[in-house]
PDB file of N, CA and C in Angstrom:
ATOM      1  N   MET A   1      28.947 110.927  42.071  1.00  0.00           N
ATOM      2  CA  MET A   1      27.777 111.148  42.902  1.00  0.00           C
ATOM      3  C   MET A   1      28.181 111.371  44.356  1.00  0.00           C
ATOM      4  N   LYS A   2      29.134 110.569  44.809  1.00  0.00           N
ATOM      5  CA  LYS A   2      29.595 110.697  46.191  1.00  0.00           C
ATOM      6  C   LYS A   2      30.221 112.079  46.424  1.00  0.00           C
ATOM      7  N   THR A   3      30.937 112.590  45.443  1.00  0.00           N
ATOM      8  CA  THR A   3      31.565 113.905  45.552  1.00  0.00           C
ATOM      9  C   THR A   3      30.509 115.002  45.641  1.00  0.00           C
ATOM     10  N   VAL A   4      29.456 114.900  44.863  1.00  0.00           N
ATOM     11  CA  VAL A   4      28.382 115.897  44.871  1.00  0.00           C
ATOM     12  C   VAL A   4      27.681 115.902  46.224  1.00  0.00           C
ATOM     13  N   VAL A   5      27.414 114.746  46.775  1.00  0.00           N
ATOM     14  CA  VAL A   5      26.758 114.645  48.079  1.00  0.00           C
ATOM     15  C   VAL A   5      27.644 115.267  49.158  1.00  0.00           C
ATOM     16  N   LEU A   6      28.931 114.964  49.128  1.00  0.00           N
ATOM     17  CA  LEU A   6      29.852 115.543  50.116  1.00  0.00           C
ATOM     18  C   LEU A   6      29.941 117.060  49.967  1.00  0.00           C
ATOM     19  N   LEU A   7      29.951 117.548  48.738  1.00  0.00           N
ATOM     20  CA  LEU A   7      29.999 118.985  48.501  1.00  0.00           C
ATOM     21  C   LEU A   7      28.738 119.663  49.037  1.00  0.00           C
ATOM     22  N   LEU A   8      27.578 119.103  48.735  1.00  0.00           N
ATOM     23  CA  LEU A   8      26.322 119.675  49.237  1.00  0.00           C
ATOM     24  C   LEU A   8      26.243 119.618  50.760  1.00  0.00           C
ATOM     25  N   LEU A   9      26.686 118.530  51.326  1.00  0.00           N
ATOM     26  CA  LEU A   9      26.676 118.393  52.781  1.00  0.00           C
ATOM     27  C   LEU A   9      27.595 119.419  53.435  1.00  0.00           C
ATOM     28  N   SER A  10      28.774 119.620  52.872  1.00  0.00           N
ATOM     29  CA  SER A  10      29.698 120.600  53.451  1.00  0.00           C
ATOM     30  C   SER A  10      29.154 122.013  53.304  1.00  0.00           C
ATOM     31  N   LEU A  11      28.483 122.312  52.190  1.00  0.00           N
ATOM     32  CA  LEU A  11      27.862 123.628  52.025  1.00  0.00           C
ATOM     33  C   LEU A  11      26.746 123.848  53.038  1.00  0.00           C
ATOM     34  N   MET A  12      25.951 122.815  53.262  1.00  0.00           N
ATOM     35  CA  MET A  12      24.851 122.934  54.229  1.00  0.00           C
ATOM     36  C   MET A  12      25.382 123.139  55.647  1.00  0.00           C
ATOM     37  N   LEU A  13      26.508 122.549  55.963  1.00  0.00           N
ATOM     38  CA  LEU A  13      27.059 122.677  57.313  1.00  0.00           C
ATOM     39  C   LEU A  13      27.786 123.999  57.525  1.00  0.00           C
ATOM     40  N   THR A  14      28.391 124.557  56.480  1.00  0.00           N
ATOM     41  CA  THR A  14      29.156 125.795  56.655  1.00  0.00           C
ATOM     42  C   THR A  14      28.358 127.049  56.326  1.00  0.00           C
ATOM     43  N   ALA A  15      27.288 126.951  55.576  1.00  0.00           N
ATOM     44  CA  ALA A  15      26.510 128.128  55.183  1.00  0.00           C
ATOM     45  C   ALA A  15      25.983 128.926  56.374  1.00  0.00           C
ATOM     46  N   PRO A  16      25.459 128.296  57.435  1.00  0.00           N
ATOM     47  CA  PRO A  16      24.953 129.097  58.562  1.00  0.00           C
ATOM     48  C   PRO A  16      26.018 129.976  59.216  1.00  0.00           C
ATOM     49  N   ALA A  17      27.273 129.590  59.131  1.00  0.00           N
ATOM     50  CA  ALA A  17      28.332 130.403  59.732  1.00  0.00           C
ATOM     51  C   ALA A  17      28.486 131.734  59.010  1.00  0.00           C
ATOM     52  N   PHE A  18      28.136 131.778  57.728  1.00  0.00           N
ATOM     53  CA  PHE A  18      28.292 133.003  56.949  1.00  0.00           C
ATOM     54  C   PHE A  18      26.992 133.779  56.802  1.00  0.00           C
ATOM     55  N   ALA A  19      25.893 133.189  57.180  1.00  0.00           N
ATOM     56  CA  ALA A  19      24.595 133.853  57.065  1.00  0.00           C
ATOM     57  C   ALA A  19      24.260 134.511  58.396  1.00  0.00           C
ATOM     58  N   HIS A  20      24.245 135.824  58.406  1.00  0.00           N
ATOM     59  CA  HIS A  20      23.865 136.552  59.620  1.00  0.00           C
ATOM     60  C   HIS A  20      23.130 137.823  59.216  1.00  0.00           C
ATOM     61  N   ALA A  21      22.324 138.301  60.111  1.00  0.00           N
ATOM     62  CA  ALA A  21      21.540 139.499  59.841  1.00  0.00           C
ATOM     63  C   ALA A  21      22.444 140.724  59.883  1.00  0.00           C
ATOM     64  N   ALA A  22      22.105 141.707  59.096  1.00  0.00           N
ATOM     65  CA  ALA A  22      22.846 142.965  59.118  1.00  0.00           C
ATOM     66  C   ALA A  22      22.587 143.654  60.450  1.00  0.00           C
ATOM     67  N   PRO A  23      23.585 144.334  61.012  1.00  0.00           N
ATOM     68  CA  PRO A  23      23.368 145.012  62.294  1.00  0.00           C
ATOM     69  C   PRO A  23      22.310 146.102  62.159  1.00  0.00           C
ATOM     70  N   ALA A  24      21.484 146.211  63.176  1.00  0.00           N
ATOM     71  CA  ALA A  24      20.423 147.217  63.176  1.00  0.00           C
ATOM     72  C   ALA A  24      21.030 148.605  63.340  1.00  0.00           C
ATOM     73  N   ALA A  25      20.421 149.571  62.706  1.00  0.00           N
ATOM     74  CA  ALA A  25      20.887 150.952  62.842  1.00  0.00           C
ATOM     75  C   ALA A  25      20.591 151.431  64.258  1.00  0.00           C
ATOM     76  N   PRO A  26      21.496 152.199  64.860  1.00  0.00           N
ATOM     77  CA  PRO A  26      21.239 152.694  66.217  1.00  0.00           C
ATOM     78  C   PRO A  26      20.009 153.600  66.239  1.00  0.00           C
ATOM     79  N   ALA A  27      19.261 153.511  67.317  1.00  0.00           N
ATOM     80  CA  ALA A  27      18.048 154.320  67.460  1.00  0.00           C
ATOM     81  C   ALA A  27      18.427 155.787  67.627  1.00  0.00           C
ATOM     82  N   ARG A  28      17.694 156.642  66.992  1.00  0.00           N
ATOM     83  CA  ARG A  28      17.900 158.088  67.125  1.00  0.00           C
ATOM     84  C   ARG A  28      16.929 158.597  68.183  1.00  0.00           C
ATOM     85  N   LEU A  29      17.455 158.973  69.339  1.00  0.00           N
ATOM     86  CA  LEU A  29      16.621 159.466  70.426  1.00  0.00           C
ATOM     87  C   LEU A  29      16.871 160.958  70.608  1.00  0.00           C
ATOM     88  N   PRO A  30      15.816 161.729  70.883  1.00  0.00           N
ATOM     89  CA  PRO A  30      16.017 163.158  71.124  1.00  0.00           C
ATOM     90  C   PRO A  30      16.699 163.367  72.481  1.00  0.00           C
ATOM     91  N   VAL A  31      17.819 164.062  72.472  1.00  0.00           N
ATOM     92  CA  VAL A  31      18.594 164.295  73.691  1.00  0.00           C
ATOM     93  C   VAL A  31      18.552 165.780  74.024  1.00  0.00           C
ATOM     94  N   GLU A  32      18.140 166.096  75.254  1.00  0.00           N
ATOM     95  CA  GLU A  32      18.181 167.472  75.749  1.00  0.00           C
ATOM     96  C   GLU A  32      19.420 167.606  76.616  1.00  0.00           C
ATOM     97  N   ALA A  33      20.197 168.648  76.401  1.00  0.00           N
ATOM     98  CA  ALA A  33      21.387 168.895  77.215  1.00  0.00           C
ATOM     99  C   ALA A  33      21.188 170.211  77.963  1.00  0.00           C
ATOM    100  N   PHE A  34      21.516 170.208  79.248  1.00  0.00           N
ATOM    101  CA  PHE A  34      21.484 171.453  80.014  1.00  0.00           C
ATOM    102  C   PHE A  34      22.569 171.411  81.072  1.00  0.00           C
ATOM    103  N   GLU A  35      22.923 172.589  81.563  1.00  0.00           N
ATOM    104  CA  GLU A  35      24.028 172.712  82.513  1.00  0.00           C
ATOM    105  C   GLU A  35      23.601 173.583  83.695  1.00  0.00           C
ATOM    106  N   LEU A  36      23.976 173.150  84.898  1.00  0.00           N
ATOM    107  CA  LEU A  36      23.691 173.929  86.097  1.00  0.00           C
ATOM    108  C   LEU A  36      24.728 175.038  86.249  1.00  0.00           C
ATOM    109  N   GLU A  37      24.463 175.965  87.164  1.00  0.00           N
ATOM    110  CA  GLU A  37      25.397 177.064  87.397  1.00  0.00           C
ATOM    111  C   GLU A  37      26.761 176.575  87.866  1.00  0.00           C
ATOM    112  N   ASN A  38      26.790 175.428  88.552  1.00  0.00           N
ATOM    113  CA  ASN A  38      28.063 174.910  89.056  1.00  0.00           C
ATOM    114  C   ASN A  38      28.848 174.141  87.998  1.00  0.00           C
ATOM    115  N   GLY A  39      28.331 174.070  86.767  1.00  0.00           N
ATOM    116  CA  GLY A  39      29.052 173.414  85.684  1.00  0.00           C
ATOM    117  C   GLY A  39      28.659 171.971  85.445  1.00  0.00           C
ATOM    118  N   MET A  40      27.818 171.393  86.302  1.00  0.00           N
ATOM    119  CA  MET A  40      27.410 170.006  86.095  1.00  0.00           C
ATOM    120  C   MET A  40      26.473 169.944  84.895  1.00  0.00           C
ATOM    121  N   ARG A  41      26.808 169.052  83.961  1.00  0.00           N
ATOM    122  CA  ARG A  41      26.022 168.917  82.738  1.00  0.00           C
ATOM    123  C   ARG A  41      25.128 167.687  82.810  1.00  0.00           C
ATOM    124  N   PHE A  42      23.961 167.801  82.202  1.00  0.00           N
ATOM    125  CA  PHE A  42      22.992 166.713  82.174  1.00  0.00           C
ATOM    126  C   PHE A  42      22.577 166.439  80.735  1.00  0.00           C
ATOM    127  N   LEU A  43      22.371 165.182  80.440  1.00  0.00           N
ATOM    128  CA  LEU A  43      21.776 164.764  79.175  1.00  0.00           C
ATOM    129  C   LEU A  43      20.480 164.054  79.536  1.00  0.00           C
ATOM    130  N   LEU A  44      19.390 164.473  78.947  1.00  0.00           N
ATOM    131  CA  LEU A  44      18.080 163.935  79.289  1.00  0.00           C
ATOM    132  C   LEU A  44      17.438 163.336  78.044  1.00  0.00           C
ATOM    133  N   VAL A  45      17.011 162.092  78.153  1.00  0.00           N
ATOM    134  CA  VAL A  45      16.290 161.419  77.074  1.00  0.00           C
ATOM    135  C   VAL A  45      14.944 160.993  77.646  1.00  0.00           C
ATOM    136  N   GLN A  46      13.890 161.560  77.126  1.00  0.00           N
ATOM    137  CA  GLN A  46      12.552 161.208  77.599  1.00  0.00           C
ATOM    138  C   GLN A  46      11.960 160.159  76.672  1.00  0.00           C
ATOM    139  N   ARG A  47      11.437 159.115  77.274  1.00  0.00           N
ATOM    140  CA  ARG A  47      10.766 158.047  76.525  1.00  0.00           C
ATOM    141  C   ARG A  47       9.428 157.796  77.208  1.00  0.00           C
ATOM    142  N   PRO A  48       8.397 158.553  76.858  1.00  0.00           N
ATOM    143  CA  PRO A  48       7.105 158.451  77.545  1.00  0.00           C
ATOM    144  C   PRO A  48       6.497 157.056  77.514  1.00  0.00           C
ATOM    145  N   GLY A  49       6.760 156.263  76.497  1.00  0.00           N
ATOM    146  CA  GLY A  49       6.180 154.929  76.409  1.00  0.00           C
ATOM    147  C   GLY A  49       6.880 153.898  77.265  1.00  0.00           C
ATOM    148  N   ALA A  50       8.042 154.214  77.800  1.00  0.00           N
ATOM    149  CA  ALA A  50       8.807 153.244  78.598  1.00  0.00           C
ATOM    150  C   ALA A  50       8.400 153.359  80.066  1.00  0.00           C
ATOM    151  N   PRO A  51       7.982 152.260  80.692  1.00  0.00           N
ATOM    152  CA  PRO A  51       7.526 152.306  82.088  1.00  0.00           C
ATOM    153  C   PRO A  51       8.681 152.209  83.083  1.00  0.00           C
ATOM    154  N   MET A  52       9.739 153.001  82.887  1.00  0.00           N
ATOM    155  CA  MET A  52      10.884 152.913  83.789  1.00  0.00           C
ATOM    156  C   MET A  52      11.650 154.223  83.788  1.00  0.00           C
ATOM    157  N   VAL A  53      12.507 154.345  84.778  1.00  0.00           N
ATOM    158  CA  VAL A  53      13.409 155.485  84.881  1.00  0.00           C
ATOM    159  C   VAL A  53      14.805 154.926  85.077  1.00  0.00           C
ATOM    160  N   ALA A  54      15.771 155.497  84.401  1.00  0.00           N
ATOM    161  CA  ALA A  54      17.161 155.075  84.569  1.00  0.00           C
ATOM    162  C   ALA A  54      18.015 156.323  84.695  1.00  0.00           C
ATOM    163  N   ALA A  55      19.039 156.237  85.504  1.00  0.00           N
ATOM    164  CA  ALA A  55      19.938 157.371  85.692  1.00  0.00           C
ATOM    165  C   ALA A  55      21.362 156.869  85.834  1.00  0.00           C
ATOM    166  N   ALA A  56      22.295 157.678  85.378  1.00  0.00           N
ATOM    167  CA  ALA A  56      23.716 157.380  85.539  1.00  0.00           C
ATOM    168  C   ALA A  56      24.413 158.687  85.876  1.00  0.00           C
ATOM    169  N   TRP A  57      25.445 158.596  86.655  1.00  0.00           N
ATOM    170  CA  TRP A  57      26.158 159.787  87.094  1.00  0.00           C
ATOM    171  C   TRP A  57      27.629 159.592  86.806  1.00  0.00           C
ATOM    172  N   SER A  58      28.215 160.527  86.129  1.00  0.00           N
ATOM    173  CA  SER A  58      29.636 160.459  85.810  1.00  0.00           C
ATOM    174  C   SER A  58      30.266 161.793  86.171  1.00  0.00           C
ATOM    175  N   VAL A  59      31.329 161.745  86.931  1.00  0.00           N
ATOM    176  CA  VAL A  59      32.012 162.952  87.366  1.00  0.00           C
ATOM    177  C   VAL A  59      33.420 162.926  86.791  1.00  0.00           C
ATOM    178  N   ARG A  60      33.789 163.970  86.110  1.00  0.00           N
ATOM    179  CA  ARG A  60      35.117 164.030  85.499  1.00  0.00           C
ATOM    180  C   ARG A  60      36.139 164.537  86.508  1.00  0.00           C
ATOM    181  N   THR A  61      36.375 163.717  87.495  1.00  0.00           N
ATOM    182  CA  THR A  61      37.397 164.024  88.485  1.00  0.00           C
ATOM    183  C   THR A  61      38.179 162.754  88.750  1.00  0.00           C
ATOM    184  N   GLY A  62      39.330 162.902  89.258  1.00  0.00           N
ATOM    185  CA  GLY A  62      40.167 161.749  89.558  1.00  0.00           C
ATOM    186  C   GLY A  62      41.612 162.183  89.627  1.00  0.00           C
ATOM    187  N   SER A  63      42.481 161.225  89.793  1.00  0.00           N
ATOM    188  CA  SER A  63      43.892 161.556  89.964  1.00  0.00           C
ATOM    189  C   SER A  63      44.452 162.280  88.743  1.00  0.00           C
ATOM    190  N   GLY A  64      43.918 162.022  87.567  1.00  0.00           N
ATOM    191  CA  GLY A  64      44.389 162.710  86.364  1.00  0.00           C
ATOM    192  C   GLY A  64      43.954 164.161  86.301  1.00  0.00           C
ATOM    193  N   ASP A  65      42.966 164.549  87.105  1.00  0.00           N
ATOM    194  CA  ASP A  65      42.462 165.921  87.102  1.00  0.00           C
ATOM    195  C   ASP A  65      42.991 166.752  88.267  1.00  0.00           C
ATOM    196  N   GLU A  66      43.808 166.168  89.127  1.00  0.00           N
ATOM    197  CA  GLU A  66      44.315 166.906  90.290  1.00  0.00           C
ATOM    198  C   GLU A  66      45.439 167.850  89.889  1.00  0.00           C
ATOM    199  N   ARG A  67      45.510 168.970  90.599  1.00  0.00           N
ATOM    200  CA  ARG A  67      46.581 169.940  90.374  1.00  0.00           C
ATOM    201  C   ARG A  67      47.824 169.519  91.148  1.00  0.00           C
ATOM    202  N   PRO A  68      49.002 169.870  90.668  1.00  0.00           N
ATOM    203  CA  PRO A  68      50.225 169.576  91.432  1.00  0.00           C
ATOM    204  C   PRO A  68      50.144 170.208  92.822  1.00  0.00           C
ATOM    205  N   GLY A  69      50.534 169.464  93.818  1.00  0.00           N
ATOM    206  CA  GLY A  69      50.481 169.949  95.195  1.00  0.00           C
ATOM    207  C   GLY A  69      49.200 169.567  95.912  1.00  0.00           C
ATOM    208  N   VAL A  70      48.208 169.083  95.189  1.00  0.00           N
ATOM    209  CA  VAL A  70      46.940 168.692  95.791  1.00  0.00           C
ATOM    210  C   VAL A  70      46.641 167.244  95.403  1.00  0.00           C
ATOM    211  N   THR A  71      47.650 166.465  95.160  1.00  0.00           N
ATOM    212  CA  THR A  71      47.426 165.088  94.734  1.00  0.00           C
ATOM    213  C   THR A  71      46.991 164.224  95.908  1.00  0.00           C
ATOM    214  N   GLY A  72      46.207 163.214  95.609  1.00  0.00           N
ATOM    215  CA  GLY A  72      45.729 162.290  96.632  1.00  0.00           C
ATOM    216  C   GLY A  72      44.334 162.604  97.126  1.00  0.00           C
ATOM    217  N   ILE A  73      43.816 163.784  96.795  1.00  0.00           N
ATOM    218  CA  ILE A  73      42.487 164.175  97.271  1.00  0.00           C
ATOM    219  C   ILE A  73      41.420 163.234  96.705  1.00  0.00           C
ATOM    220  N   SER A  74      41.527 162.868  95.443  1.00  0.00           N
ATOM    221  CA  SER A  74      40.536 161.969  94.833  1.00  0.00           C
ATOM    222  C   SER A  74      40.539 160.617  95.521  1.00  0.00           C
ATOM    223  N   HIS A  75      41.720 160.127  95.838  1.00  0.00           N
ATOM    224  CA  HIS A  75      41.819 158.827  96.500  1.00  0.00           C
ATOM    225  C   HIS A  75      41.229 158.894  97.914  1.00  0.00           C
ATOM    226  N   LEU A  76      41.491 159.983  98.623  1.00  0.00           N
ATOM    227  CA  LEU A  76      40.919 160.161  99.960  1.00  0.00           C
ATOM    228  C   LEU A  76      39.394 160.216  99.874  1.00  0.00           C
ATOM    229  N   LEU A  77      38.873 160.970  98.922  1.00  0.00           N
ATOM    230  CA  LEU A  77      37.423 161.072  98.763  1.00  0.00           C
ATOM    231  C   LEU A  77      36.813 159.705  98.454  1.00  0.00           C
ATOM    232  N   GLU A  78      37.485 158.924  97.627  1.00  0.00           N
ATOM    233  CA  GLU A  78      37.007 157.576  97.310  1.00  0.00           C
ATOM    234  C   GLU A  78      36.900 156.735  98.574  1.00  0.00           C
ATOM    235  N   HIS A  79      37.924 156.789  99.420  1.00  0.00           N
ATOM    236  CA  HIS A  79      37.886 156.007 100.658  1.00  0.00           C
ATOM    237  C   HIS A  79      36.773 156.490 101.583  1.00  0.00           C
ATOM    238  N   LEU A  80      36.587 157.786 101.683  1.00  0.00           N
ATOM    239  CA  LEU A  80      35.528 158.302 102.552  1.00  0.00           C
ATOM    240  C   LEU A  80      34.147 157.918 102.029  1.00  0.00           C
ATOM    241  N   MET A  81      33.975 157.947 100.712  1.00  0.00           N
ATOM    242  CA  MET A  81      32.663 157.622 100.143  1.00  0.00           C
ATOM    243  C   MET A  81      32.321 156.147 100.289  1.00  0.00           C
ATOM    244  N   PHE A  82      33.306 155.275 100.079  1.00  0.00           N
ATOM    245  CA  PHE A  82      33.004 153.849 100.035  1.00  0.00           C
ATOM    246  C   PHE A  82      33.415 153.082 101.282  1.00  0.00           C
ATOM    247  N   HIS A  83      34.309 153.627 102.078  1.00  0.00           N
ATOM    248  CA  HIS A  83      34.759 152.919 103.277  1.00  0.00           C
ATOM    249  C   HIS A  83      34.426 153.667 104.562  1.00  0.00           C
ATOM    250  N   GLY A  84      34.110 154.948 104.455  1.00  0.00           N
ATOM    251  CA  GLY A  84      33.822 155.728 105.651  1.00  0.00           C
ATOM    252  C   GLY A  84      35.090 156.063 106.415  1.00  0.00           C
ATOM    253  N   SER A  85      34.915 156.470 107.646  1.00  0.00           N
ATOM    254  CA  SER A  85      36.042 156.775 108.530  1.00  0.00           C
ATOM    255  C   SER A  85      35.687 156.214 109.901  1.00  0.00           C
ATOM    256  N   ARG A  86      36.487 156.507 110.904  1.00  0.00           N
ATOM    257  CA  ARG A  86      36.165 156.008 112.253  1.00  0.00           C
ATOM    258  C   ARG A  86      34.852 156.588 112.764  1.00  0.00           C
ATOM    259  N   ARG A  87      34.534 157.797 112.325  1.00  0.00           N
ATOM    260  CA  ARG A  87      33.325 158.455 112.800  1.00  0.00           C
ATOM    261  C   ARG A  87      32.167 158.367 111.813  1.00  0.00           C
ATOM    262  N   ILE A  88      32.465 158.160 110.544  1.00  0.00           N
ATOM    263  CA  ILE A  88      31.428 158.176 109.516  1.00  0.00           C
ATOM    264  C   ILE A  88      31.426 156.846 108.782  1.00  0.00           C
ATOM    265  N   GLY A  89      30.262 156.223 108.709  1.00  0.00           N
ATOM    266  CA  GLY A  89      30.119 155.001 107.932  1.00  0.00           C
ATOM    267  C   GLY A  89      30.529 153.754 108.691  1.00  0.00           C
ATOM    268  N   THR A  90      29.970 152.646 108.296  1.00  0.00           N
ATOM    269  CA  THR A  90      30.295 151.352 108.887  1.00  0.00           C
ATOM    270  C   THR A  90      30.315 150.321 107.772  1.00  0.00           C
ATOM    271  N   ARG A  91      30.665 149.112 108.120  1.00  0.00           N
ATOM    272  CA  ARG A  91      30.581 148.023 107.143  1.00  0.00           C
ATOM    273  C   ARG A  91      29.414 147.096 107.484  1.00  0.00           C
ATOM    274  N   SER A  92      28.559 147.531 108.400  1.00  0.00           N
ATOM    275  CA  SER A  92      27.404 146.742 108.816  1.00  0.00           C
ATOM    276  C   SER A  92      26.133 147.390 108.261  1.00  0.00           C
ATOM    277  N   PRO A  93      25.376 146.690 107.415  1.00  0.00           N
ATOM    278  CA  PRO A  93      24.146 147.274 106.870  1.00  0.00           C
ATOM    279  C   PRO A  93      23.148 147.683 107.953  1.00  0.00           C
ATOM    280  N   ASP A  94      23.050 146.908 109.038  1.00  0.00           N
ATOM    281  CA  ASP A  94      22.116 147.261 110.110  1.00  0.00           C
ATOM    282  C   ASP A  94      22.542 148.558 110.788  1.00  0.00           C
ATOM    283  N   ARG A  95      23.808 148.654 111.118  1.00  0.00           N
ATOM    284  CA  ARG A  95      24.333 149.862 111.771  1.00  0.00           C
ATOM    285  C   ARG A  95      24.245 151.057 110.820  1.00  0.00           C
ATOM    286  N   GLU A  96      24.495 150.817 109.546  1.00  0.00           N
ATOM    287  CA  GLU A  96      24.415 151.887 108.546  1.00  0.00           C
ATOM    288  C   GLU A  96      22.991 152.436 108.477  1.00  0.00           C
ATOM    289  N   GLY A  97      21.993 151.546 108.565  1.00  0.00           N
ATOM    290  CA  GLY A  97      20.602 151.979 108.562  1.00  0.00           C
ATOM    291  C   GLY A  97      20.283 152.869 109.751  1.00  0.00           C
ATOM    292  N   GLU A  98      20.834 152.544 110.917  1.00  0.00           N
ATOM    293  CA  GLU A  98      20.628 153.379 112.110  1.00  0.00           C
ATOM    294  C   GLU A  98      21.213 154.767 111.896  1.00  0.00           C
ATOM    295  N   LEU A  99      22.425 154.835 111.341  1.00  0.00           N
ATOM    296  CA  LEU A  99      23.064 156.131 111.104  1.00  0.00           C
ATOM    297  C   LEU A  99      22.281 156.958 110.088  1.00  0.00           C
ATOM    298  N   MET A 100      21.778 156.308 109.055  1.00  0.00           N
ATOM    299  CA  MET A 100      21.019 157.034 108.039  1.00  0.00           C
ATOM    300  C   MET A 100      19.695 157.537 108.596  1.00  0.00           C
ATOM    301  N   ALA A 101      19.094 156.793 109.506  1.00  0.00           N
ATOM    302  CA  ALA A 101      17.826 157.211 110.103  1.00  0.00           C
ATOM    303  C   ALA A 101      18.006 158.466 110.951  1.00  0.00           C
ATOM    304  N   ARG A 102      19.197 158.641 111.542  1.00  0.00           N
ATOM    305  CA  ARG A 102      19.448 159.819 112.379  1.00  0.00           C
ATOM    306  C   ARG A 102      19.631 161.082 111.551  1.00  0.00           C
ATOM    307  N   GLN A 103      19.937 160.946 110.288  1.00  0.00           N
ATOM    308  CA  GLN A 103      20.207 162.143 109.474  1.00  0.00           C
ATOM    309  C   GLN A 103      18.956 162.717 108.964  1.00  0.00           C
TER     310      GLN A 103
END
């Protein structure tokens, strides 16, 4: 009797570890693809019932895409975009707001 109780108890304790729901199938959303004259491609998914807008931007450029003799341009652009220069950009949000207001 003691063995049966221990067996049932161990089954009750370990069963939840093996019981899980099957993964849901990925949603099939209609995707529209279009390309601008400059080669930039867009994927558009419209969801009229969703009360939100989301966007992501991915550019296929970087050090792996540079031509020999023109290396370092991607790194320079990264610094200019995120750190600015002596004449462009600041690290102060208040000062940055003033500069943006002038443009």
